[in-house]
Amino acid sequence: MDTQGVSRDEAMSSGLVPITTNTAAISEFLSKEEGFLCPPEDATALSAAVEHLFQNPEDFLKKSEAANKRVAYTLAVDKTITRELNLFTR
């Protein structure tokens, strides 16, 4: 139930393709372009996503690049630290 997704975002930043369940706020940080949002408690969907990436390395590379770019665009240090510091200066 890691709805903040720090480990997911670190993985995405490293170019890994997240395979996760669509619970809580996960869909706010991940789309089908960057990874897989599987139904909760659906082991079959999770394993199908792993199998898909194994059998489709070109899709892995496409999603990997998209995942890395999304994290860089939305969660880079220059974006998060500035926003957090602005909370204190208001």
PDB file of N, CA and C in Angstrom:
ATOM      1  N   MET A   1       0.818  -1.196   0.000  1.00  0.00           N
ATOM      2  CA  MET A   1       0.000   0.000   0.000  1.00  0.00           C
ATOM      3  C   MET A   1       0.864   1.262   0.000  1.00  0.00           C
ATOM      4  N   ASP A   2       1.949   1.255  -0.739  1.00  0.00           N
ATOM      5  CA  ASP A   2       2.807   2.432  -0.855  1.00  0.00           C
ATOM      6  C   ASP A   2       2.192   3.382  -1.868  1.00  0.00           C
ATOM      7  N   THR A   3       1.218   4.196  -1.432  1.00  0.00           N
ATOM      8  CA  THR A   3       0.526   5.071  -2.372  1.00  0.00           C
ATOM      9  C   THR A   3       1.369   6.262  -2.782  1.00  0.00           C
ATOM     10  N   GLN A   4       2.391   6.602  -2.009  1.00  0.00           N
ATOM     11  CA  GLN A   4       3.263   7.695  -2.419  1.00  0.00           C
ATOM     12  C   GLN A   4       4.193   7.219  -3.533  1.00  0.00           C
ATOM     13  N   GLY A   5       4.627   5.997  -3.486  1.00  0.00           N
ATOM     14  CA  GLY A   5       5.367   5.404  -4.587  1.00  0.00           C
ATOM     15  C   GLY A   5       6.808   5.820  -4.742  1.00  0.00           C
ATOM     16  N   VAL A   6       7.505   6.060  -3.646  1.00  0.00           N
ATOM     17  CA  VAL A   6       8.901   6.475  -3.746  1.00  0.00           C
ATOM     18  C   VAL A   6       9.727   5.406  -4.464  1.00  0.00           C
ATOM     19  N   SER A   7       9.566   4.151  -4.085  1.00  0.00           N
ATOM     20  CA  SER A   7      10.360   3.090  -4.723  1.00  0.00           C
ATOM     21  C   SER A   7       9.984   2.940  -6.195  1.00  0.00           C
ATOM     22  N   ARG A   8       8.691   3.110  -6.517  1.00  0.00           N
ATOM     23  CA  ARG A   8       8.263   3.051  -7.923  1.00  0.00           C
ATOM     24  C   ARG A   8       8.914   4.163  -8.729  1.00  0.00           C
ATOM     25  N   ASP A   9       8.919   5.369  -8.186  1.00  0.00           N
ATOM     26  CA  ASP A   9       9.505   6.496  -8.906  1.00  0.00           C
ATOM     27  C   ASP A   9      11.021   6.364  -9.039  1.00  0.00           C
ATOM     28  N   GLU A  10      11.679   5.808  -8.037  1.00  0.00           N
ATOM     29  CA  GLU A  10      13.112   5.560  -8.145  1.00  0.00           C
ATOM     30  C   GLU A  10      13.395   4.539  -9.246  1.00  0.00           C
ATOM     31  N   ALA A  11      12.569   3.511  -9.315  1.00  0.00           N
ATOM     32  CA  ALA A  11      12.724   2.506 -10.372  1.00  0.00           C
ATOM     33  C   ALA A  11      12.498   3.133 -11.747  1.00  0.00           C
ATOM     34  N   MET A  12      11.451   3.949 -11.867  1.00  0.00           N
ATOM     35  CA  MET A  12      11.163   4.611 -13.139  1.00  0.00           C
ATOM     36  C   MET A  12      12.315   5.526 -13.541  1.00  0.00           C
ATOM     37  N   SER A  13      12.886   6.212 -12.571  1.00  0.00           N
ATOM     38  CA  SER A  13      14.008   7.099 -12.845  1.00  0.00           C
ATOM     39  C   SER A  13      15.207   6.325 -13.380  1.00  0.00           C
ATOM     40  N   SER A  14      15.333   5.086 -12.945  1.00  0.00           N
ATOM     41  CA  SER A  14      16.431   4.224 -13.410  1.00  0.00           C
ATOM     42  C   SER A  14      16.114   3.529 -14.721  1.00  0.00           C
ATOM     43  N   GLY A  15      14.921   3.759 -15.257  1.00  0.00           N
ATOM     44  CA  GLY A  15      14.550   3.156 -16.531  1.00  0.00           C
ATOM     45  C   GLY A  15      13.839   1.828 -16.418  1.00  0.00           C
ATOM     46  N   LEU A  16      13.454   1.456 -15.205  1.00  0.00           N
ATOM     47  CA  LEU A  16      12.694   0.222 -15.053  1.00  0.00           C
ATOM     48  C   LEU A  16      11.226   0.488 -15.353  1.00  0.00           C
ATOM     49  N   VAL A  17      10.536  -0.523 -15.820  1.00  0.00           N
ATOM     50  CA  VAL A  17       9.125  -0.394 -16.163  1.00  0.00           C
ATOM     51  C   VAL A  17       8.291  -0.893 -14.990  1.00  0.00           C
ATOM     52  N   PRO A  18       7.508  -0.018 -14.373  1.00  0.00           N
ATOM     53  CA  PRO A  18       6.716  -0.448 -13.222  1.00  0.00           C
ATOM     54  C   PRO A  18       5.519  -1.314 -13.626  1.00  0.00           C
ATOM     55  N   ILE A  19       5.328  -2.363 -12.868  1.00  0.00           N
ATOM     56  CA  ILE A  19       4.144  -3.214 -12.971  1.00  0.00           C
ATOM     57  C   ILE A  19       3.524  -3.171 -11.583  1.00  0.00           C
ATOM     58  N   THR A  20       2.365  -2.550 -11.487  1.00  0.00           N
ATOM     59  CA  THR A  20       1.775  -2.315 -10.179  1.00  0.00           C
ATOM     60  C   THR A  20       0.264  -2.476 -10.242  1.00  0.00           C
ATOM     61  N   THR A  21      -0.357  -2.436  -9.086  1.00  0.00           N
ATOM     62  CA  THR A  21      -1.813  -2.519  -9.054  1.00  0.00           C
ATOM     63  C   THR A  21      -2.400  -1.116  -9.024  1.00  0.00           C
ATOM     64  N   ASN A  22      -3.554  -0.974  -9.594  1.00  0.00           N
ATOM     65  CA  ASN A  22      -4.226   0.317  -9.683  1.00  0.00           C
ATOM     66  C   ASN A  22      -5.037   0.560  -8.412  1.00  0.00           C
ATOM     67  N   THR A  23      -4.326   0.918  -7.364  1.00  0.00           N
ATOM     68  CA  THR A  23      -4.963   1.212  -6.085  1.00  0.00           C
ATOM     69  C   THR A  23      -4.603   2.626  -5.664  1.00  0.00           C
ATOM     70  N   ALA A  24      -5.435   3.189  -4.840  1.00  0.00           N
ATOM     71  CA  ALA A  24      -5.215   4.517  -4.252  1.00  0.00           C
ATOM     72  C   ALA A  24      -4.803   5.528  -5.319  1.00  0.00           C
ATOM     73  N   ALA A  25      -3.661   6.180  -5.132  1.00  0.00           N
ATOM     74  CA  ALA A  25      -3.259   7.278  -6.019  1.00  0.00           C
ATOM     75  C   ALA A  25      -2.270   6.853  -7.098  1.00  0.00           C
ATOM     76  N   ILE A  26      -2.078   5.579  -7.297  1.00  0.00           N
ATOM     77  CA  ILE A  26      -1.068   5.108  -8.245  1.00  0.00           C
ATOM     78  C   ILE A  26      -1.294   5.662  -9.647  1.00  0.00           C
ATOM     79  N   SER A  27      -2.517   5.689 -10.111  1.00  0.00           N
ATOM     80  CA  SER A  27      -2.786   6.136 -11.484  1.00  0.00           C
ATOM     81  C   SER A  27      -2.489   7.619 -11.688  1.00  0.00           C
ATOM     82  N   GLU A  28      -2.313   8.374 -10.616  1.00  0.00           N
ATOM     83  CA  GLU A  28      -1.936   9.776 -10.753  1.00  0.00           C
ATOM     84  C   GLU A  28      -0.462   9.931 -11.111  1.00  0.00           C
ATOM     85  N   PHE A  29       0.320   8.869 -10.933  1.00  0.00           N
ATOM     86  CA  PHE A  29       1.754   8.937 -11.160  1.00  0.00           C
ATOM     87  C   PHE A  29       2.241   7.994 -12.254  1.00  0.00           C
ATOM     88  N   LEU A  30       1.340   7.227 -12.839  1.00  0.00           N
ATOM     89  CA  LEU A  30       1.728   6.222 -13.810  1.00  0.00           C
ATOM     90  C   LEU A  30       0.599   6.021 -14.810  1.00  0.00           C
ATOM     91  N   SER A  31       0.969   5.951 -16.080  1.00  0.00           N
ATOM     92  CA  SER A  31      -0.023   5.659 -17.111  1.00  0.00           C
ATOM     93  C   SER A  31       0.395   4.410 -17.875  1.00  0.00           C
ATOM     94  N   LYS A  32      -0.433   3.991 -18.791  1.00  0.00           N
ATOM     95  CA  LYS A  32      -0.133   2.811 -19.610  1.00  0.00           C
ATOM     96  C   LYS A  32       1.064   3.040 -20.516  1.00  0.00           C
ATOM     97  N   GLU A  33       1.412   4.303 -20.762  1.00  0.00           N
ATOM     98  CA  GLU A  33       2.580   4.596 -21.596  1.00  0.00           C
ATOM     99  C   GLU A  33       3.888   4.266 -20.883  1.00  0.00           C
ATOM    100  N   GLU A  34       3.886   4.354 -19.555  1.00  0.00           N
ATOM    101  CA  GLU A  34       5.117   4.120 -18.790  1.00  0.00           C
ATOM    102  C   GLU A  34       5.186   2.744 -18.136  1.00  0.00           C
ATOM    103  N   GLY A  35       4.055   2.102 -17.942  1.00  0.00           N
ATOM    104  CA  GLY A  35       4.081   0.830 -17.226  1.00  0.00           C
ATOM    105  C   GLY A  35       2.748   0.129 -17.284  1.00  0.00           C
ATOM    106  N   PHE A  36       2.492  -0.683 -16.279  1.00  0.00           N
ATOM    107  CA  PHE A  36       1.274  -1.488 -16.237  1.00  0.00           C
ATOM    108  C   PHE A  36       0.517  -1.218 -14.947  1.00  0.00           C
ATOM    109  N   LEU A  37      -0.757  -0.897 -15.072  1.00  0.00           N
ATOM    110  CA  LEU A  37      -1.666  -0.724 -13.941  1.00  0.00           C
ATOM    111  C   LEU A  37      -2.632  -1.903 -13.957  1.00  0.00           C
ATOM    112  N   CYS A  38      -2.389  -2.861 -13.098  1.00  0.00           N
ATOM    113  CA  CYS A  38      -3.202  -4.077 -13.053  1.00  0.00           C
ATOM    114  C   CYS A  38      -4.297  -3.945 -11.991  1.00  0.00           C
ATOM    115  N   PRO A  39      -5.388  -4.665 -12.161  1.00  0.00           N
ATOM    116  CA  PRO A  39      -6.433  -4.637 -11.128  1.00  0.00           C
ATOM    117  C   PRO A  39      -5.886  -5.149  -9.790  1.00  0.00           C
ATOM    118  N   PRO A  40      -6.394  -4.609  -8.688  1.00  0.00           N
ATOM    119  CA  PRO A  40      -5.941  -5.070  -7.374  1.00  0.00           C
ATOM    120  C   PRO A  40      -6.165  -6.572  -7.179  1.00  0.00           C
ATOM    121  N   GLU A  41      -5.225  -7.200  -6.504  1.00  0.00           N
ATOM    122  CA  GLU A  41      -5.321  -8.623  -6.151  1.00  0.00           C
ATOM    123  C   GLU A  41      -5.399  -9.539  -7.380  1.00  0.00           C
ATOM    124  N   ASP A  42      -4.864  -9.116  -8.515  1.00  0.00           N
ATOM    125  CA  ASP A  42      -4.945  -9.908  -9.745  1.00  0.00           C
ATOM    126  C   ASP A  42      -3.560 -10.403 -10.147  1.00  0.00           C
ATOM    127  N   ALA A  43      -3.163 -11.518  -9.571  1.00  0.00           N
ATOM    128  CA  ALA A  43      -1.849 -12.095  -9.849  1.00  0.00           C
ATOM    129  C   ALA A  43      -1.697 -12.473 -11.321  1.00  0.00           C
ATOM    130  N   THR A  44      -2.792 -12.871 -11.959  1.00  0.00           N
ATOM    131  CA  THR A  44      -2.741 -13.240 -13.372  1.00  0.00           C
ATOM    132  C   THR A  44      -2.369 -12.029 -14.231  1.00  0.00           C
ATOM    133  N   ALA A  45      -2.955 -10.888 -13.942  1.00  0.00           N
ATOM    134  CA  ALA A  45      -2.636  -9.671 -14.699  1.00  0.00           C
ATOM    135  C   ALA A  45      -1.197  -9.229 -14.455  1.00  0.00           C
ATOM    136  N   LEU A  46      -0.732  -9.357 -13.221  1.00  0.00           N
ATOM    137  CA  LEU A  46       0.652  -9.000 -12.913  1.00  0.00           C
ATOM    138  C   LEU A  46       1.626  -9.892 -13.672  1.00  0.00           C
ATOM    139  N   SER A  47       1.370 -11.186 -13.664  1.00  0.00           N
ATOM    140  CA  SER A  47       2.277 -12.109 -14.373  1.00  0.00           C
ATOM    141  C   SER A  47       2.178 -11.919 -15.883  1.00  0.00           C
ATOM    142  N   ALA A  48       0.999 -11.570 -16.387  1.00  0.00           N
ATOM    143  CA  ALA A  48       0.854 -11.310 -17.826  1.00  0.00           C
ATOM    144  C   ALA A  48       1.671 -10.090 -18.243  1.00  0.00           C
ATOM    145  N   ALA A  49       1.737  -9.085 -17.377  1.00  0.00           N
ATOM    146  CA  ALA A  49       2.541  -7.900 -17.674  1.00  0.00           C
ATOM    147  C   ALA A  49       4.027  -8.245 -17.738  1.00  0.00           C
ATOM    148  N   VAL A  50       4.492  -9.053 -16.795  1.00  0.00           N
ATOM    149  CA  VAL A  50       5.891  -9.496 -16.811  1.00  0.00           C
ATOM    150  C   VAL A  50       6.171 -10.280 -18.089  1.00  0.00           C
ATOM    151  N   GLU A  51       5.287 -11.198 -18.424  1.00  0.00           N
ATOM    152  CA  GLU A  51       5.456 -11.999 -19.633  1.00  0.00           C
ATOM    153  C   GLU A  51       5.449 -11.116 -20.887  1.00  0.00           C
ATOM    154  N   HIS A  52       4.570 -10.125 -20.915  1.00  0.00           N
ATOM    155  CA  HIS A  52       4.501  -9.223 -22.067  1.00  0.00           C
ATOM    156  C   HIS A  52       5.847  -8.520 -22.286  1.00  0.00           C
ATOM    157  N   LEU A  53       6.421  -7.987 -21.205  1.00  0.00           N
ATOM    158  CA  LEU A  53       7.702  -7.295 -21.340  1.00  0.00           C
ATOM    159  C   LEU A  53       8.815  -8.244 -21.762  1.00  0.00           C
ATOM    160  N   PHE A  54       8.784  -9.467 -21.253  1.00  0.00           N
ATOM    161  CA  PHE A  54       9.794 -10.464 -21.623  1.00  0.00           C
ATOM    162  C   PHE A  54       9.705 -10.787 -23.111  1.00  0.00           C
ATOM    163  N   GLN A  55       8.491 -10.919 -23.612  1.00  0.00           N
ATOM    164  CA  GLN A  55       8.294 -11.314 -25.009  1.00  0.00           C
ATOM    165  C   GLN A  55       8.327 -10.120 -25.974  1.00  0.00           C
ATOM    166  N   ASN A  56       8.300  -8.905 -25.459  1.00  0.00           N
ATOM    167  CA  ASN A  56       8.273  -7.706 -26.295  1.00  0.00           C
ATOM    168  C   ASN A  56       9.316  -6.696 -25.815  1.00  0.00           C
ATOM    169  N   PRO A  57      10.591  -6.980 -26.042  1.00  0.00           N
ATOM    170  CA  PRO A  57      11.640  -6.088 -25.541  1.00  0.00           C
ATOM    171  C   PRO A  57      11.545  -4.671 -26.105  1.00  0.00           C
ATOM    172  N   GLU A  58      10.996  -4.509 -27.308  1.00  0.00           N
ATOM    173  CA  GLU A  58      10.841  -3.164 -27.860  1.00  0.00           C
ATOM    174  C   GLU A  58       9.829  -2.353 -27.051  1.00  0.00           C
ATOM    175  N   ASP A  59       8.816  -3.012 -26.531  1.00  0.00           N
ATOM    176  CA  ASP A  59       7.843  -2.323 -25.687  1.00  0.00           C
ATOM    177  C   ASP A  59       8.474  -1.960 -24.346  1.00  0.00           C
ATOM    178  N   PHE A  60       9.324  -2.855 -23.829  1.00  0.00           N
ATOM    179  CA  PHE A  60      10.047  -2.539 -22.602  1.00  0.00           C
ATOM    180  C   PHE A  60      10.861  -1.264 -22.797  1.00  0.00           C
ATOM    181  N   LEU A  61      11.599  -1.174 -23.895  1.00  0.00           N
ATOM    182  CA  LEU A  61      12.437  -0.001 -24.140  1.00  0.00           C
ATOM    183  C   LEU A  61      11.597   1.272 -24.280  1.00  0.00           C
ATOM    184  N   LYS A  62      10.478   1.170 -24.962  1.00  0.00           N
ATOM    185  CA  LYS A  62       9.599   2.328 -25.135  1.00  0.00           C
ATOM    186  C   LYS A  62       9.039   2.792 -23.790  1.00  0.00           C
ATOM    187  N   LYS A  63       8.553   1.854 -22.995  1.00  0.00           N
ATOM    188  CA  LYS A  63       7.992   2.197 -21.684  1.00  0.00           C
ATOM    189  C   LYS A  63       9.091   2.671 -20.726  1.00  0.00           C
ATOM    190  N   SER A  64      10.263   2.087 -20.835  1.00  0.00           N
ATOM    191  CA  SER A  64      11.395   2.471 -20.003  1.00  0.00           C
ATOM    192  C   SER A  64      11.754   3.936 -20.225  1.00  0.00           C
ATOM    193  N   GLU A  65      11.850   4.318 -21.468  1.00  0.00           N
ATOM    194  CA  GLU A  65      12.177   5.714 -21.789  1.00  0.00           C
ATOM    195  C   GLU A  65      11.068   6.653 -21.311  1.00  0.00           C
ATOM    196  N   ALA A  66       9.821   6.258 -21.531  1.00  0.00           N
ATOM    197  CA  ALA A  66       8.690   7.088 -21.099  1.00  0.00           C
ATOM    198  C   ALA A  66       8.655   7.223 -19.577  1.00  0.00           C
ATOM    199  N   ALA A  67       8.959   6.140 -18.870  1.00  0.00           N
ATOM    200  CA  ALA A  67       8.966   6.169 -17.404  1.00  0.00           C
ATOM    201  C   ALA A  67      10.033   7.123 -16.891  1.00  0.00           C
ATOM    202  N   ASN A  68      11.224   7.014 -17.454  1.00  0.00           N
ATOM    203  CA  ASN A  68      12.318   7.892 -17.055  1.00  0.00           C
ATOM    204  C   ASN A  68      11.979   9.356 -17.315  1.00  0.00           C
ATOM    205  N   LYS A  69      11.402   9.638 -18.471  1.00  0.00           N
ATOM    206  CA  LYS A  69      11.056  11.026 -18.806  1.00  0.00           C
ATOM    207  C   LYS A  69       9.958  11.572 -17.899  1.00  0.00           C
ATOM    208  N   ARG A  70       8.989  10.735 -17.565  1.00  0.00           N
ATOM    209  CA  ARG A  70       7.893  11.216 -16.699  1.00  0.00           C
ATOM    210  C   ARG A  70       8.419  11.620 -15.338  1.00  0.00           C
ATOM    211  N   VAL A  71       9.281  10.790 -14.763  1.00  0.00           N
ATOM    212  CA  VAL A  71       9.832  11.116 -13.450  1.00  0.00           C
ATOM    213  C   VAL A  71      10.705  12.367 -13.545  1.00  0.00           C
ATOM    214  N   ALA A  72      11.513  12.450 -14.584  1.00  0.00           N
ATOM    215  CA  ALA A  72      12.375  13.627 -14.736  1.00  0.00           C
ATOM    216  C   ALA A  72      11.555  14.893 -14.898  1.00  0.00           C
ATOM    217  N   TYR A  73      10.436  14.804 -15.607  1.00  0.00           N
ATOM    218  CA  TYR A  73       9.608  15.979 -15.856  1.00  0.00           C
ATOM    219  C   TYR A  73       8.781  16.379 -14.636  1.00  0.00           C
ATOM    220  N   THR A  74       8.280  15.410 -13.904  1.00  0.00           N
ATOM    221  CA  THR A  74       7.357  15.733 -12.810  1.00  0.00           C
ATOM    222  C   THR A  74       7.983  15.741 -11.421  1.00  0.00           C
ATOM    223  N   LEU A  75       9.071  14.997 -11.234  1.00  0.00           N
ATOM    224  CA  LEU A  75       9.592  14.831  -9.877  1.00  0.00           C
ATOM    225  C   LEU A  75      11.068  15.160  -9.713  1.00  0.00           C
ATOM    226  N   ALA A  76      11.655  15.822 -10.683  1.00  0.00           N
ATOM    227  CA  ALA A  76      13.071  16.167 -10.578  1.00  0.00           C
ATOM    228  C   ALA A  76      13.307  17.082  -9.378  1.00  0.00           C
ATOM    229  N   VAL A  77      14.523  17.080  -8.887  1.00  0.00           N
ATOM    230  CA  VAL A  77      14.872  17.854  -7.700  1.00  0.00           C
ATOM    231  C   VAL A  77      14.498  19.320  -7.874  1.00  0.00           C
ATOM    232  N   ASP A  78      14.768  19.885  -9.047  1.00  0.00           N
ATOM    233  CA  ASP A  78      14.481  21.302  -9.238  1.00  0.00           C
ATOM    234  C   ASP A  78      12.982  21.600  -9.155  1.00  0.00           C
ATOM    235  N   LYS A  79      12.155  20.610  -9.406  1.00  0.00           N
ATOM    236  CA  LYS A  79      10.708  20.818  -9.326  1.00  0.00           C
ATOM    237  C   LYS A  79      10.189  20.561  -7.908  1.00  0.00           C
ATOM    238  N   THR A  80      10.624  19.490  -7.291  1.00  0.00           N
ATOM    239  CA  THR A  80      10.073  19.143  -5.976  1.00  0.00           C
ATOM    240  C   THR A  80      10.613  20.033  -4.864  1.00  0.00           C
ATOM    241  N   ILE A  81      11.890  20.276  -4.844  1.00  0.00           N
ATOM    242  CA  ILE A  81      12.474  21.085  -3.765  1.00  0.00           C
ATOM    243  C   ILE A  81      11.931  22.509  -3.822  1.00  0.00           C
ATOM    244  N   THR A  82      11.841  23.070  -5.017  1.00  0.00           N
ATOM    245  CA  THR A  82      11.301  24.424  -5.159  1.00  0.00           C
ATOM    246  C   THR A  82       9.866  24.497  -4.650  1.00  0.00           C
ATOM    247  N   ARG A  83       9.051  23.527  -5.012  1.00  0.00           N
ATOM    248  CA  ARG A  83       7.655  23.524  -4.548  1.00  0.00           C
ATOM    249  C   ARG A  83       7.580  23.381  -3.037  1.00  0.00           C
ATOM    250  N   GLU A  84       8.417  22.514  -2.478  1.00  0.00           N
ATOM    251  CA  GLU A  84       8.385  22.323  -1.038  1.00  0.00           C
ATOM    252  C   GLU A  84       8.845  23.575  -0.295  1.00  0.00           C
ATOM    253  N   LEU A  85       9.894  24.221  -0.790  1.00  0.00           N
ATOM    254  CA  LEU A  85      10.365  25.447  -0.143  1.00  0.00           C
ATOM    255  C   LEU A  85       9.329  26.562  -0.248  1.00  0.00           C
ATOM    256  N   ASN A  86       8.617  26.607  -1.346  1.00  0.00           N
ATOM    257  CA  ASN A  86       7.573  27.626  -1.504  1.00  0.00           C
ATOM    258  C   ASN A  86       6.455  27.465  -0.484  1.00  0.00           C
ATOM    259  N   LEU A  87       6.249  26.278   0.023  1.00  0.00           N
ATOM    260  CA  LEU A  87       5.243  26.072   1.065  1.00  0.00           C
ATOM    261  C   LEU A  87       5.572  26.861   2.327  1.00  0.00           C
ATOM    262  N   PHE A  88       6.866  27.028   2.580  1.00  0.00           N
ATOM    263  CA  PHE A  88       7.298  27.721   3.795  1.00  0.00           C
ATOM    264  C   PHE A  88       7.362  29.234   3.613  1.00  0.00           C
ATOM    265  N   THR A  89       7.429  29.707   2.385  1.00  0.00           N
ATOM    266  CA  THR A  89       7.588  31.129   2.146  1.00  0.00           C
ATOM    267  C   THR A  89       6.264  31.845   1.897  1.00  0.00           C
ATOM    268  N   ARG A  90       5.191  31.122   1.876  1.00  0.00           N
ATOM    269  CA  ARG A  90       3.884  31.751   1.651  1.00  0.00           C
ATOM    270  C   ARG A  90       3.348  32.403   2.881  1.00  0.00           C
TER     271      ARG A  90
END
